[in-house]
Amino acid sequence: MVIINTRISEETPLNPHTSLSQIHCNPMTNESNFSSVVRLNIGGKKFCTTVDTLTQREPDSMLAAMFSGRHTVCEDPEKGCVFVDRDGKHFRHILNWLRDGVVPKLNDAEYSELMREAEFYQLLGLIEGINSVLNKRKEVDELDSELTRTDIIKCIQSERVRFRGVNLSGLDLSKLDLSFVDFSFACLKNVFFSRANLQCAKFRDVDAEGSIFHNATLRECEFTGANLRGALLAGANLQSANLQDACLVDCSFCGADLRSAHLQTADLANANLEGANLEGANLKGAKLNNANLKGANLQRAYLRQVNLQNTHLENTRLDGANLLGAIR
């Protein structure tokens, strides 16, 4: 493998004319090949660093093993770089960690994405560093919360529960049965709802910036006017959920189930909906600037007069979608 050396990484798109037949494998056994610059192509984004950077801080990582000189790696003969089939969005943070040992300052959704990359590259030190940051952030948030997880568990044992306008920021409410609970107008910043059952729960006008809903059940939930900026909803079940007028900027909906969801006039700028199922969803008036809909299912979706010019639609299924007046 070959990588790059600069404090701020260069990012350029992968040459579309480079075919798989042009990629060949070379055993990297000559130590001189590892003495200076290495070039990497991470999912189409290019980076430069040195072998020392890749091998010294995390010697047991996958990257260290790749550049130890003991393995055969695939190199593009035209570009002189090694291709790794991963999203390159956070790879600059990985390089800076390997250089300086500093965990970057990110929101919780971005930390979740970076954690997945750290786990893939087997960067145990970075994984520990991210967990430490998240734990400290959680401790600070819980100091401001009006209730604890134990308080919530006691409350949901009653038939009808309301937390309207309550500050629950930073709480860990993962894996709880919170179906039909009313959180309207509450402060839910950085709350962990991972794998929770929130079916038919109400989140009207909540501030849930940076909250984690990974793999949560959110069927028929109401998020009208909610602030979910930067929230992680990857793998969540949002069938028939009402997200009208919601702020969904920078949200991650990767692989989420949004069938028949109501997304009218929602702001989905920079949202990641790759592989999401939006069959029959209503996106009338939704803002999709720079939204990632690669591989998403938009069959029979309502997209009338939606601006799709700056939306990523590679391999998106649009069969039967209503695109009357849509700008493409």
Protein backbone atom coordinates (compact mmCIF):
# COMPACT_ATOMS: atom_id res chain seq x y z
CA MET A 1 0.00 0.00 0.00
CA VAL A 2 1.10 3.52 -0.65
CA ILE A 3 -0.17 6.65 1.20
CA ILE A 4 0.33 10.40 1.53
CA ASN A 5 2.13 12.86 3.78
CA THR A 6 0.61 16.27 4.56
CA ARG A 7 -1.02 17.69 7.57
CA ILE A 8 -4.17 18.51 5.63
CA SER A 9 -5.06 15.73 3.25
CA GLU A 10 -5.80 16.34 -0.40
CA GLU A 11 -9.11 14.94 -1.58
CA THR A 12 -9.80 14.31 -5.26
CA PRO A 13 -12.36 12.06 -6.95
CA LEU A 14 -11.30 8.67 -8.23
CA ASN A 15 -10.51 8.69 -11.95
CA PRO A 16 -13.65 7.25 -13.60
CA HIS A 17 -11.55 5.93 -16.51
CA THR A 18 -9.47 3.64 -14.31
CA SER A 19 -10.84 0.13 -14.72
CA LEU A 20 -10.47 -2.83 -12.40
CA SER A 21 -8.26 -4.49 -14.98
CA GLN A 22 -5.74 -1.71 -14.50
CA ILE A 23 -5.39 -2.46 -10.78
CA HIS A 24 -2.67 -4.97 -10.01
CA CYS A 25 -1.10 -6.38 -6.89
CA ASN A 26 2.53 -5.98 -5.95
CA PRO A 27 4.33 -7.52 -3.00
CA MET A 28 5.92 -4.65 -1.06
CA THR A 29 9.09 -6.27 0.17
CA ASN A 30 11.72 -3.65 -0.62
CA GLU A 31 12.32 -1.53 2.48
CA SER A 32 13.16 1.50 0.32
CA ASN A 33 9.54 1.58 -0.84
CA PHE A 34 8.52 2.37 2.74
CA SER A 35 11.10 5.02 3.59
CA SER A 36 9.12 8.11 2.58
CA VAL A 37 5.71 8.81 1.10
CA VAL A 38 2.81 6.39 0.89
CA ARG A 39 -0.34 7.10 -1.13
CA LEU A 40 -3.83 5.86 -0.31
CA ASN A 41 -7.11 6.06 -2.15
CA ILE A 42 -9.86 5.65 0.46
CA GLY A 43 -13.16 5.24 -1.36
CA GLY A 44 -12.11 7.77 -4.01
CA LYS A 45 -10.46 10.30 -1.67
CA LYS A 46 -6.68 10.49 -1.73
CA PHE A 47 -4.35 10.96 1.21
CA CYS A 48 -0.60 11.07 1.75
CA THR A 49 1.45 10.13 4.79
CA THR A 50 4.49 8.08 5.74
CA VAL A 51 4.97 4.46 6.73
CA ASP A 52 6.16 5.58 10.17
CA THR A 53 2.86 7.37 10.75
CA LEU A 54 0.87 4.28 9.75
CA THR A 55 2.84 1.81 11.83
CA GLN A 56 4.23 3.40 15.02
CA ARG A 57 1.32 4.66 17.16
CA GLU A 58 -0.95 1.64 16.54
CA PRO A 59 1.47 -1.23 15.75
CA ASP A 60 -1.26 -3.88 16.06
CA SER A 61 -3.66 -2.19 13.67
CA MET A 62 -4.68 -3.35 10.23
CA LEU A 63 -2.91 -0.36 8.67
CA ALA A 64 0.35 -1.23 10.42
CA ALA A 65 0.06 -4.80 9.17
CA MET A 66 -0.65 -3.64 5.61
CA PHE A 67 2.47 -1.48 5.52
CA SER A 68 4.80 -3.79 7.38
CA GLY A 69 6.26 -5.01 4.09
CA ARG A 70 5.08 -8.56 4.80
CA HIS A 71 1.90 -8.39 2.74
CA THR A 72 0.83 -7.99 -0.88
CA VAL A 73 -1.26 -4.90 -1.53
CA CYS A 74 -3.21 -3.73 -4.58
CA GLU A 75 -1.81 -0.64 -6.29
CA ASP A 76 -3.16 1.43 -9.17
CA PRO A 77 -0.22 1.53 -11.62
CA GLU A 78 -1.33 4.88 -13.13
CA LYS A 79 -1.88 6.72 -9.86
CA GLY A 80 0.70 4.90 -7.71
CA CYS A 81 -1.67 4.53 -4.79
CA VAL A 82 -3.38 1.74 -2.90
CA PHE A 83 -7.17 1.51 -2.95
CA VAL A 84 -9.18 0.74 0.21
CA ASP A 85 -12.91 0.29 -0.23
CA ARG A 86 -14.08 2.42 2.72
CA ASP A 87 -15.73 5.81 3.08
CA GLY A 88 -12.94 8.40 3.15
CA LYS A 89 -14.97 11.01 5.06
CA HIS A 90 -13.18 10.54 8.39
CA PHE A 91 -9.85 9.16 7.24
CA ARG A 92 -8.14 12.52 7.81
CA HIS A 93 -9.09 12.19 11.50
CA ILE A 94 -7.54 8.72 11.54
CA LEU A 95 -4.32 10.06 10.05
CA ASN A 96 -4.18 12.93 12.53
CA TRP A 97 -4.74 10.47 15.38
CA LEU A 98 -1.83 8.38 14.12
CA ARG A 99 0.32 11.50 13.87
CA ASP A 100 -0.54 13.28 17.11
CA GLY A 101 -2.68 10.95 19.24
CA VAL A 102 -5.42 13.59 19.50
CA VAL A 103 -9.11 12.65 19.32
CA PRO A 104 -10.93 15.19 17.07
CA LYS A 105 -13.83 17.30 18.35
CA LEU A 106 -16.98 15.97 16.65
CA ASN A 107 -20.67 15.62 17.36
CA ASP A 108 -21.97 12.28 18.60
CA ALA A 109 -23.22 11.15 15.20
CA GLU A 110 -19.80 11.81 13.67
CA TYR A 111 -18.10 9.98 16.56
CA SER A 112 -20.30 6.97 15.78
CA GLU A 113 -19.17 7.05 12.15
CA LEU A 114 -15.52 7.48 13.17
CA MET A 115 -15.86 4.60 15.64
CA ARG A 116 -16.95 2.28 12.82
CA GLU A 117 -13.86 3.23 10.82
CA ALA A 118 -11.58 2.81 13.87
CA GLU A 119 -13.04 -0.65 14.45
CA PHE A 120 -12.49 -1.58 10.79
CA TYR A 121 -8.84 -0.48 10.90
CA GLN A 122 -8.44 -2.05 14.38
CA LEU A 123 -7.20 1.18 15.96
CA LEU A 124 -7.64 0.20 19.60
CA GLY A 125 -6.17 3.41 20.99
CA LEU A 126 -8.53 5.58 18.96
CA ILE A 127 -11.52 3.45 19.99
CA GLU A 128 -10.58 3.92 23.65
CA GLY A 129 -10.10 7.67 23.10
CA ILE A 130 -13.54 8.09 21.47
CA ASN A 131 -15.22 6.15 24.28
CA SER A 132 -13.46 8.33 26.86
CA VAL A 133 -14.67 11.53 25.18
CA LEU A 134 -18.25 10.24 24.91
CA ASN A 135 -18.29 9.13 28.55
CA LYS A 136 -17.05 12.52 29.75
CA ARG A 137 -19.61 14.29 27.58
CA LYS A 138 -22.34 12.04 28.95
CA GLU A 139 -21.32 12.81 32.54
CA VAL A 140 -21.50 16.56 31.86
CA ASP A 141 -24.88 16.26 30.14
CA GLU A 142 -26.33 14.15 32.93
CA LEU A 143 -25.48 16.86 35.46
CA ASP A 144 -27.92 19.12 33.60
CA SER A 145 -30.63 16.48 33.23
CA GLU A 146 -33.67 16.73 35.46
CA LEU A 147 -34.11 12.93 35.63
CA THR A 148 -31.95 9.81 35.61
CA ARG A 149 -32.33 6.56 33.66
CA THR A 150 -33.68 4.94 36.86
CA ASP A 151 -36.30 7.70 37.16
CA ILE A 152 -37.38 7.07 33.58
CA ILE A 153 -37.70 3.32 34.14
CA LYS A 154 -39.90 3.92 37.18
CA CYS A 155 -42.08 6.37 35.26
CA ILE A 156 -42.72 4.13 32.25
CA GLN A 157 -44.21 1.45 34.48
CA SER A 158 -47.35 3.58 34.64
CA GLU A 159 -49.84 3.42 31.79
CA ARG A 160 -49.44 6.90 30.38
CA VAL A 161 -46.16 8.79 30.54
CA ARG A 162 -45.36 12.37 29.61
CA PHE A 163 -41.99 14.12 29.66
CA ARG A 164 -43.21 17.25 27.90
CA GLY A 165 -40.70 20.07 28.20
CA VAL A 166 -38.38 18.08 30.50
CA ASN A 167 -34.59 18.31 30.17
CA LEU A 168 -33.29 14.77 29.58
CA SER A 169 -30.12 15.72 27.73
CA GLY A 170 -27.31 13.17 27.76
CA LEU A 171 -29.31 10.31 29.30
CA ASP A 172 -28.79 6.70 28.25
CA LEU A 173 -32.29 5.45 27.39
CA SER A 174 -31.13 2.69 25.08
CA LYS A 175 -33.10 -0.58 24.82
CA LEU A 176 -36.04 0.74 26.92
CA ASP A 177 -39.70 0.33 25.97
CA LEU A 178 -40.74 3.96 25.53
CA SER A 179 -43.62 3.35 23.15
CA PHE A 180 -46.40 5.98 23.23
CA VAL A 181 -44.35 8.24 25.57
CA ASP A 182 -44.84 11.99 25.00
CA PHE A 183 -41.49 13.85 24.82
CA SER A 184 -42.93 16.93 23.10
CA PHE A 185 -40.95 20.18 23.67
CA ALA A 186 -38.33 18.31 25.72
CA CYS A 187 -34.58 18.86 25.56
CA LEU A 188 -33.14 15.57 24.31
CA LYS A 189 -29.68 16.66 23.19
CA ASN A 190 -27.20 13.77 22.93
CA VAL A 191 -29.68 11.24 24.38
CA PHE A 192 -28.92 7.57 23.61
CA PHE A 193 -32.08 5.91 22.25
CA SER A 194 -30.25 3.07 20.50
CA ARG A 195 -32.46 -0.03 20.05
CA ALA A 196 -35.23 1.53 22.14
CA ASN A 197 -38.88 0.84 21.33
CA LEU A 198 -40.32 4.28 20.62
CA GLN A 199 -43.28 3.27 18.51
CA CYS A 200 -45.95 6.01 18.39
CA ALA A 201 -43.88 8.23 20.73
CA LYS A 202 -44.31 12.00 20.37
CA PHE A 203 -41.27 14.22 19.74
CA ARG A 204 -43.06 17.36 18.60
CA ASP A 205 -40.76 20.42 18.63
CA VAL A 206 -38.09 18.63 20.68
CA ASP A 207 -34.44 19.65 20.63
CA ALA A 208 -32.74 16.32 19.97
CA GLU A 209 -29.57 17.58 18.33
CA GLY A 210 -26.87 14.91 18.23
CA SER A 211 -29.08 12.18 19.70
CA ILE A 212 -28.54 8.52 18.84
CA PHE A 213 -31.51 6.53 17.51
CA HIS A 214 -29.42 3.75 15.97
CA ASN A 215 -31.62 0.70 15.21
CA ALA A 216 -34.49 2.17 17.27
CA THR A 217 -38.14 1.41 16.53
CA LEU A 218 -39.80 4.71 15.62
CA ARG A 219 -42.85 3.57 13.67
CA GLU A 220 -45.60 6.19 13.49
CA CYS A 221 -43.64 8.59 15.70
CA GLU A 222 -44.34 12.31 15.51
CA PHE A 223 -41.29 14.54 14.97
CA THR A 224 -43.15 17.59 13.62
CA GLY A 225 -40.91 20.66 13.89
CA ALA A 226 -38.23 18.73 15.80
CA ASN A 227 -34.55 19.68 15.73
CA LEU A 228 -32.61 16.50 14.94
CA ARG A 229 -29.53 18.15 13.50
CA GLY A 230 -26.64 15.69 13.42
CA ALA A 231 -28.69 12.85 14.90
CA LEU A 232 -27.86 9.23 14.09
CA LEU A 233 -30.88 7.24 12.86
CA ALA A 234 -29.02 4.57 10.89
CA GLY A 235 -30.97 1.32 10.73
CA ALA A 236 -33.97 2.85 12.52
CA ASN A 237 -37.53 1.81 11.67
CA LEU A 238 -39.38 5.03 10.80
CA GLN A 239 -42.29 3.59 8.85
CA SER A 240 -45.12 6.12 8.59
CA ALA A 241 -43.28 8.50 10.94
CA ASN A 242 -44.21 12.18 10.73
CA LEU A 243 -41.11 14.35 10.19
CA GLN A 244 -42.80 17.36 8.64
CA ASP A 245 -40.90 20.64 9.05
CA ALA A 246 -38.17 18.84 11.01
CA CYS A 247 -34.54 19.95 10.91
CA LEU A 248 -32.69 16.85 9.69
CA VAL A 249 -29.49 18.59 8.60
CA ASP A 250 -26.41 16.31 8.77
CA CYS A 251 -28.53 13.38 10.00
CA SER A 252 -27.55 9.81 9.17
CA PHE A 253 -30.39 7.59 7.93
CA CYS A 254 -28.17 4.91 6.39
CA GLY A 255 -30.23 1.76 5.86
CA ALA A 256 -33.21 3.25 7.71
CA ASP A 257 -36.79 2.20 6.94
CA LEU A 258 -38.70 5.35 5.97
CA ARG A 259 -41.51 3.74 4.00
CA SER A 260 -44.56 6.01 3.81
CA ALA A 261 -42.82 8.56 6.05
CA HIS A 262 -44.03 12.18 5.99
CA LEU A 263 -41.09 14.45 5.18
CA GLN A 264 -42.90 17.46 3.74
CA THR A 265 -40.79 20.65 3.95
CA ALA A 266 -38.19 18.85 6.12
CA ASP A 267 -34.62 20.13 5.85
CA LEU A 268 -32.44 17.19 4.78
CA ALA A 269 -29.40 19.21 3.70
CA ASN A 270 -26.22 17.09 3.89
CA ALA A 271 -28.23 14.17 5.27
CA ASN A 272 -26.95 10.66 4.58
CA LEU A 273 -29.78 8.43 3.33
CA GLU A 274 -27.60 5.90 1.54
CA GLY A 275 -29.43 2.60 1.19
CA ALA A 276 -32.52 3.93 3.00
CA ASN A 277 -35.99 2.68 2.04
CA LEU A 278 -38.23 5.67 1.25
CA GLU A 279 -40.82 3.79 -0.78
CA GLY A 280 -44.04 5.80 -0.84
CA ALA A 281 -42.55 8.59 1.31
CA ASN A 282 -43.85 12.14 0.89
CA LEU A 283 -41.00 14.61 0.33
CA LYS A 284 -43.03 17.51 -1.04
CA GLY A 285 -41.10 20.72 -0.46
CA ALA A 286 -38.23 18.92 1.30
CA LYS A 287 -34.76 20.46 1.06
CA LEU A 288 -32.30 17.89 -0.28
CA ASN A 289 -29.23 20.03 -0.96
CA ASN A 290 -26.17 17.74 -0.99
CA ALA A 291 -28.21 14.88 0.48
CA ASN A 292 -26.80 11.40 -0.16
CA LEU A 293 -29.48 9.11 -1.62
CA LYS A 294 -27.13 6.61 -3.22
CA GLY A 295 -28.75 3.21 -3.49
CA ALA A 296 -31.92 4.46 -1.76
CA ASN A 297 -35.37 3.15 -2.66
CA LEU A 298 -37.63 6.03 -3.73
CA GLN A 299 -40.17 3.96 -5.59
CA ARG A 300 -43.60 5.62 -5.62
CA ALA A 301 -42.22 8.48 -3.50
CA TYR A 302 -43.80 11.94 -3.83
CA LEU A 303 -41.12 14.30 -5.14
CA ARG A 304 -43.13 16.91 -7.00
CA GLN A 305 -41.24 20.19 -7.47
CA VAL A 306 -38.34 19.00 -5.29
CA ASN A 307 -34.91 20.33 -6.26
CA LEU A 308 -32.69 17.31 -6.90
CA GLN A 309 -29.85 19.11 -8.69
CA ASN A 310 -27.31 18.84 -5.86
CA THR A 311 -28.56 15.48 -4.60
CA HIS A 312 -26.53 12.27 -4.98
CA LEU A 313 -28.82 9.80 -6.74
CA GLU A 314 -26.41 7.10 -7.98
CA ASN A 315 -28.20 3.73 -8.17
CA THR A 316 -31.32 5.26 -6.61
CA ARG A 317 -34.60 3.50 -7.49
CA LEU A 318 -37.19 5.98 -8.70
CA ASP A 319 -39.71 3.64 -10.35
CA GLY A 320 -43.19 5.08 -10.10
CA ALA A 321 -42.01 8.17 -8.20
CA ASN A 322 -43.98 11.38 -8.75
CA LEU A 323 -41.36 13.73 -10.21
CA LEU A 324 -43.68 16.25 -11.82
CA GLY A 325 -41.94 19.61 -11.77
CA ALA A 326 -38.88 18.22 -9.97
CA ILE A 327 -35.61 19.97 -10.82
CA ARG A 328 -32.94 17.46 -11.87
